[in-house]
Amino acid sequence: SLYTLGKVINGISKNGGTLLPGTTRRHNQNIPFRESVLTKLLVQSLGGDNMCAMCACVSPGSHVTGETVRTLGFAMMVKGIMNHPSIHIDEQEKLVTDLKKEIEKLKRENIQLKHMVIEVSQEASLASSKGLGGGNHLGLVSEIDRLVVG
């Protein structure tokens, strides 16, 4: 499995470090994703559209220098792989999210209009109490229409 993972990472890094849908099948055919269960699971994380993090563990001991050098070489190949993460949203999920946003927007607008109507009705009642309105509520109705439509 780890040997196949090394072959896959080597193939991707030689392919420019990415497996975007725009790349041709000929370029991707030498990458042995199907040779191991591990690489089948990691196919979208290795140069695809998912995020992936790999850690390289090295030791300062002189008795494992060869293994440390190979690990660092592997890490350099992995470093050359570029992922292009994207959010996968189902169409129904997107529709539900958009409708919830629209509902929230309409609720805010409704509250704002209620406040405007209350404000205008308070001004009209104040004007009629001072005798300025003369009991005519036609001006109030036209003001409410102006606020609601405009």
C-alpha atoms as a PDB file:
ATOM      1  CA  SER A   1       0.000   0.000   0.000  1.00  0.00           C
ATOM      2  CA  LEU A   2       2.724   2.504   0.910  1.00  0.00           C
ATOM      3  CA  TYR A   3       4.736   1.497  -2.143  1.00  0.00           C
ATOM      4  CA  THR A   4       1.698   2.167  -4.354  1.00  0.00           C
ATOM      5  CA  LEU A   5       1.100   5.463  -2.533  1.00  0.00           C
ATOM      6  CA  GLY A   6       4.688   6.441  -3.398  1.00  0.00           C
ATOM      7  CA  LYS A   7       4.106   5.526  -7.061  1.00  0.00           C
ATOM      8  CA  VAL A   8       0.881   7.560  -7.140  1.00  0.00           C
ATOM      9  CA  ILE A   9       2.494  10.618  -5.574  1.00  0.00           C
ATOM     10  CA  ASN A  10       5.452  10.306  -7.922  1.00  0.00           C
ATOM     11  CA  GLY A  11       3.079  10.094 -10.911  1.00  0.00           C
ATOM     12  CA  ILE A  12       1.073  13.111  -9.790  1.00  0.00           C
ATOM     13  CA  SER A  13       4.167  15.224  -9.130  1.00  0.00           C
ATOM     14  CA  LYS A  14       5.514  14.348 -12.611  1.00  0.00           C
ATOM     15  CA  ASN A  15       2.102  15.277 -14.053  1.00  0.00           C
ATOM     16  CA  GLY A  16       2.413  18.859 -12.844  1.00  0.00           C
ATOM     17  CA  GLY A  17       1.074  18.244  -9.339  1.00  0.00           C
ATOM     18  CA  THR A  18      -2.623  18.236 -10.128  1.00  0.00           C
ATOM     19  CA  LEU A  19      -5.456  16.053 -11.367  1.00  0.00           C
ATOM     20  CA  LEU A  20      -7.926  18.632 -12.559  1.00  0.00           C
ATOM     21  CA  PRO A  21     -10.832  17.594 -14.777  1.00  0.00           C
ATOM     22  CA  GLY A  22      -9.190  19.543 -17.603  1.00  0.00           C
ATOM     23  CA  THR A  23      -6.213  17.193 -17.737  1.00  0.00           C
ATOM     24  CA  THR A  24      -6.421  14.496 -20.352  1.00  0.00           C
ATOM     25  CA  ARG A  25      -6.880  10.837 -19.577  1.00  0.00           C
ATOM     26  CA  ARG A  26      -3.567  10.087 -21.312  1.00  0.00           C
ATOM     27  CA  HIS A  27      -1.730  12.166 -18.709  1.00  0.00           C
ATOM     28  CA  ASN A  28      -3.485  10.395 -15.799  1.00  0.00           C
ATOM     29  CA  GLN A  29      -3.299   6.814 -17.087  1.00  0.00           C
ATOM     30  CA  ASN A  30       0.160   6.137 -15.637  1.00  0.00           C
ATOM     31  CA  ILE A  31      -0.987   6.914 -12.101  1.00  0.00           C
ATOM     32  CA  PRO A  32      -1.879   3.591 -10.404  1.00  0.00           C
ATOM     33  CA  PHE A  33      -4.774   4.638  -8.157  1.00  0.00           C
ATOM     34  CA  ARG A  34      -6.509   1.258  -8.497  1.00  0.00           C
ATOM     35  CA  GLU A  35      -3.570  -0.863  -7.336  1.00  0.00           C
ATOM     36  CA  SER A  36      -4.237  -0.266  -3.640  1.00  0.00           C
ATOM     37  CA  VAL A  37      -7.193   0.300  -1.334  1.00  0.00           C
ATOM     38  CA  LEU A  38      -5.336   3.216   0.275  1.00  0.00           C
ATOM     39  CA  THR A  39      -4.832   5.042  -3.018  1.00  0.00           C
ATOM     40  CA  LYS A  40      -8.449   4.362  -4.045  1.00  0.00           C
ATOM     41  CA  LEU A  41      -9.562   6.079  -0.841  1.00  0.00           C
ATOM     42  CA  LEU A  42      -7.174   8.993  -1.334  1.00  0.00           C
ATOM     43  CA  VAL A  43      -7.864   9.597  -5.041  1.00  0.00           C
ATOM     44  CA  GLN A  44      -9.742  12.890  -4.427  1.00  0.00           C
ATOM     45  CA  SER A  45      -7.288  14.016  -1.748  1.00  0.00           C
ATOM     46  CA  LEU A  46      -4.201  13.558  -3.918  1.00  0.00           C
ATOM     47  CA  GLY A  47      -4.294  16.353  -6.462  1.00  0.00           C
ATOM     48  CA  GLY A  48      -8.081  16.403  -6.599  1.00  0.00           C
ATOM     49  CA  ASP A  49     -10.630  18.738  -5.099  1.00  0.00           C
ATOM     50  CA  ASN A  50     -10.389  17.747  -1.417  1.00  0.00           C
ATOM     51  CA  MET A  51      -7.988  18.843   1.273  1.00  0.00           C
ATOM     52  CA  CYS A  52      -5.261  16.502   2.490  1.00  0.00           C
ATOM     53  CA  ALA A  53      -2.452  16.895   5.029  1.00  0.00           C
ATOM     54  CA  MET A  54       0.578  14.614   5.224  1.00  0.00           C
ATOM     55  CA  CYS A  55       3.217  14.640   7.940  1.00  0.00           C
ATOM     56  CA  ALA A  56       6.761  13.371   7.495  1.00  0.00           C
ATOM     57  CA  CYS A  57       8.410  12.018  10.647  1.00  0.00           C
ATOM     58  CA  VAL A  58      12.188  12.119  10.630  1.00  0.00           C
ATOM     59  CA  SER A  59      14.810  11.303  13.231  1.00  0.00           C
ATOM     60  CA  PRO A  60      18.089  13.095  13.989  1.00  0.00           C
ATOM     61  CA  GLY A  61      19.790   9.752  14.716  1.00  0.00           C
ATOM     62  CA  SER A  62      22.762   8.843  12.537  1.00  0.00           C
ATOM     63  CA  HIS A  63      21.686   5.182  12.342  1.00  0.00           C
ATOM     64  CA  VAL A  64      18.533   6.103  10.350  1.00  0.00           C
ATOM     65  CA  THR A  65      20.040   8.676   7.974  1.00  0.00           C
ATOM     66  CA  GLY A  66      19.041   6.746   4.856  1.00  0.00           C
ATOM     67  CA  GLU A  67      15.408   6.458   5.980  1.00  0.00           C
ATOM     68  CA  THR A  68      15.346  10.165   6.891  1.00  0.00           C
ATOM     69  CA  VAL A  69      16.653  11.146   3.460  1.00  0.00           C
ATOM     70  CA  ARG A  70      14.047   8.955   1.704  1.00  0.00           C
ATOM     71  CA  THR A  71      11.283  10.418   3.898  1.00  0.00           C
ATOM     72  CA  LEU A  72      12.362  13.968   3.108  1.00  0.00           C
ATOM     73  CA  GLY A  73      12.460  13.140  -0.627  1.00  0.00           C
ATOM     74  CA  PHE A  74       8.934  11.731  -0.353  1.00  0.00           C
ATOM     75  CA  ALA A  75       7.834  14.879   1.495  1.00  0.00           C
ATOM     76  CA  MET A  76       9.279  17.054  -1.272  1.00  0.00           C
ATOM     77  CA  MET A  77       7.248  15.121  -3.866  1.00  0.00           C
ATOM     78  CA  VAL A  78       4.096  15.532  -1.772  1.00  0.00           C
ATOM     79  CA  LYS A  79       4.823  19.242  -1.420  1.00  0.00           C
ATOM     80  CA  GLY A  80       4.581  19.604  -5.215  1.00  0.00           C
ATOM     81  CA  ILE A  81       0.991  18.316  -5.321  1.00  0.00           C
ATOM     82  CA  MET A  82      -1.573  21.098  -5.680  1.00  0.00           C
ATOM     83  CA  ASN A  83      -5.160  20.511  -4.608  1.00  0.00           C
ATOM     84  CA  HIS A  84      -8.018  22.719  -5.709  1.00  0.00           C
ATOM     85  CA  PRO A  85     -10.568  22.344  -2.898  1.00  0.00           C
ATOM     86  CA  SER A  86     -14.199  23.035  -3.603  1.00  0.00           C
ATOM     87  CA  ILE A  87     -17.420  22.690  -1.686  1.00  0.00           C
ATOM     88  CA  HIS A  88     -19.720  19.999  -3.004  1.00  0.00           C
ATOM     89  CA  ILE A  89     -23.323  21.109  -2.507  1.00  0.00           C
ATOM     90  CA  ASP A  90     -26.335  19.114  -3.565  1.00  0.00           C
ATOM     91  CA  GLU A  91     -28.792  21.080  -5.737  1.00  0.00           C
ATOM     92  CA  GLN A  92     -31.620  20.581  -3.228  1.00  0.00           C
ATOM     93  CA  GLU A  93     -29.335  21.636  -0.383  1.00  0.00           C
ATOM     94  CA  LYS A  94     -28.392  24.778  -2.315  1.00  0.00           C
ATOM     95  CA  LEU A  95     -32.061  25.537  -3.000  1.00  0.00           C
ATOM     96  CA  VAL A  96     -32.936  25.120   0.690  1.00  0.00           C
ATOM     97  CA  THR A  97     -30.039  27.393   1.703  1.00  0.00           C
ATOM     98  CA  ASP A  98     -31.049  30.052  -0.834  1.00  0.00           C
ATOM     99  CA  LEU A  99     -34.689  29.918   0.303  1.00  0.00           C
ATOM    100  CA  LYS A 100     -33.664  30.260   3.974  1.00  0.00           C
ATOM    101  CA  LYS A 101     -31.600  33.338   3.080  1.00  0.00           C
ATOM    102  CA  GLU A 102     -34.571  34.792   1.179  1.00  0.00           C
ATOM    103  CA  ILE A 103     -36.876  34.143   4.159  1.00  0.00           C
ATOM    104  CA  GLU A 104     -34.459  35.917   6.513  1.00  0.00           C
ATOM    105  CA  LYS A 105     -34.210  38.861   4.110  1.00  0.00           C
ATOM    106  CA  LEU A 106     -38.011  39.111   3.873  1.00  0.00           C
ATOM    107  CA  LYS A 107     -38.357  38.900   7.667  1.00  0.00           C
ATOM    108  CA  ARG A 108     -35.927  41.808   8.088  1.00  0.00           C
ATOM    109  CA  GLU A 109     -37.794  43.800   5.445  1.00  0.00           C
ATOM    110  CA  ASN A 110     -41.122  43.021   7.124  1.00  0.00           C
ATOM    111  CA  ILE A 111     -39.835  44.256  10.501  1.00  0.00           C
ATOM    112  CA  GLN A 112     -38.494  47.421   8.881  1.00  0.00           C
ATOM    113  CA  LEU A 113     -41.839  48.120   7.192  1.00  0.00           C
ATOM    114  CA  LYS A 114     -43.741  47.515  10.445  1.00  0.00           C
ATOM    115  CA  HIS A 115     -41.534  50.070  12.175  1.00  0.00           C
ATOM    116  CA  MET A 116     -42.179  52.565   9.357  1.00  0.00           C
ATOM    117  CA  VAL A 117     -45.953  52.041   9.576  1.00  0.00           C
ATOM    118  CA  ILE A 118     -45.899  52.530  13.346  1.00  0.00           C
ATOM    119  CA  GLU A 119     -43.815  55.678  12.937  1.00  0.00           C
ATOM    120  CA  VAL A 120     -46.140  57.132  10.293  1.00  0.00           C
ATOM    121  CA  SER A 121     -49.273  56.289  12.307  1.00  0.00           C
ATOM    122  CA  GLN A 122     -47.753  57.948  15.387  1.00  0.00           C
ATOM    123  CA  GLU A 123     -46.967  61.063  13.361  1.00  0.00           C
ATOM    124  CA  ALA A 124     -50.518  61.094  11.955  1.00  0.00           C
ATOM    125  CA  SER A 125     -52.115  60.702  15.367  1.00  0.00           C
ATOM    126  CA  LEU A 126     -49.896  63.478  16.711  1.00  0.00           C
ATOM    127  CA  ALA A 127     -50.877  65.734  13.800  1.00  0.00           C
ATOM    128  CA  SER A 128     -54.605  64.994  14.263  1.00  0.00           C
ATOM    129  CA  SER A 129     -54.368  65.646  18.005  1.00  0.00           C
ATOM    130  CA  LYS A 130     -52.891  69.079  17.261  1.00  0.00           C
ATOM    131  CA  GLY A 131     -55.665  69.726  14.806  1.00  0.00           C
ATOM    132  CA  LEU A 132     -53.370  69.732  11.795  1.00  0.00           C
ATOM    133  CA  GLY A 133     -54.800  66.660  10.125  1.00  0.00           C
ATOM    134  CA  GLY A 134     -58.414  67.675  10.413  1.00  0.00           C
ATOM    135  CA  GLY A 135     -59.417  64.019  10.843  1.00  0.00           C
ATOM    136  CA  ASN A 136     -58.508  63.283   7.262  1.00  0.00           C
ATOM    137  CA  HIS A 137     -56.626  59.973   7.143  1.00  0.00           C
ATOM    138  CA  LEU A 138     -56.216  60.108   3.384  1.00  0.00           C
ATOM    139  CA  GLY A 139     -52.738  61.555   3.837  1.00  0.00           C
ATOM    140  CA  LEU A 140     -51.830  58.705   6.195  1.00  0.00           C
ATOM    141  CA  VAL A 141     -52.956  56.079   3.670  1.00  0.00           C
ATOM    142  CA  SER A 142     -50.988  57.720   0.868  1.00  0.00           C
ATOM    143  CA  GLU A 143     -47.904  57.942   3.102  1.00  0.00           C
ATOM    144  CA  ILE A 144     -48.163  54.236   4.005  1.00  0.00           C
ATOM    145  CA  ASP A 145     -48.584  53.355   0.316  1.00  0.00           C
ATOM    146  CA  ARG A 146     -45.533  55.434  -0.508  1.00  0.00           C
ATOM    147  CA  LEU A 147     -43.441  53.642   2.129  1.00  0.00           C
ATOM    148  CA  VAL A 148     -44.611  50.149   1.224  1.00  0.00           C
ATOM    149  CA  VAL A 149     -44.309  50.552  -2.547  1.00  0.00           C
ATOM    150  CA  GLY A 150     -41.214  52.752  -2.547  1.00  0.00           C
END
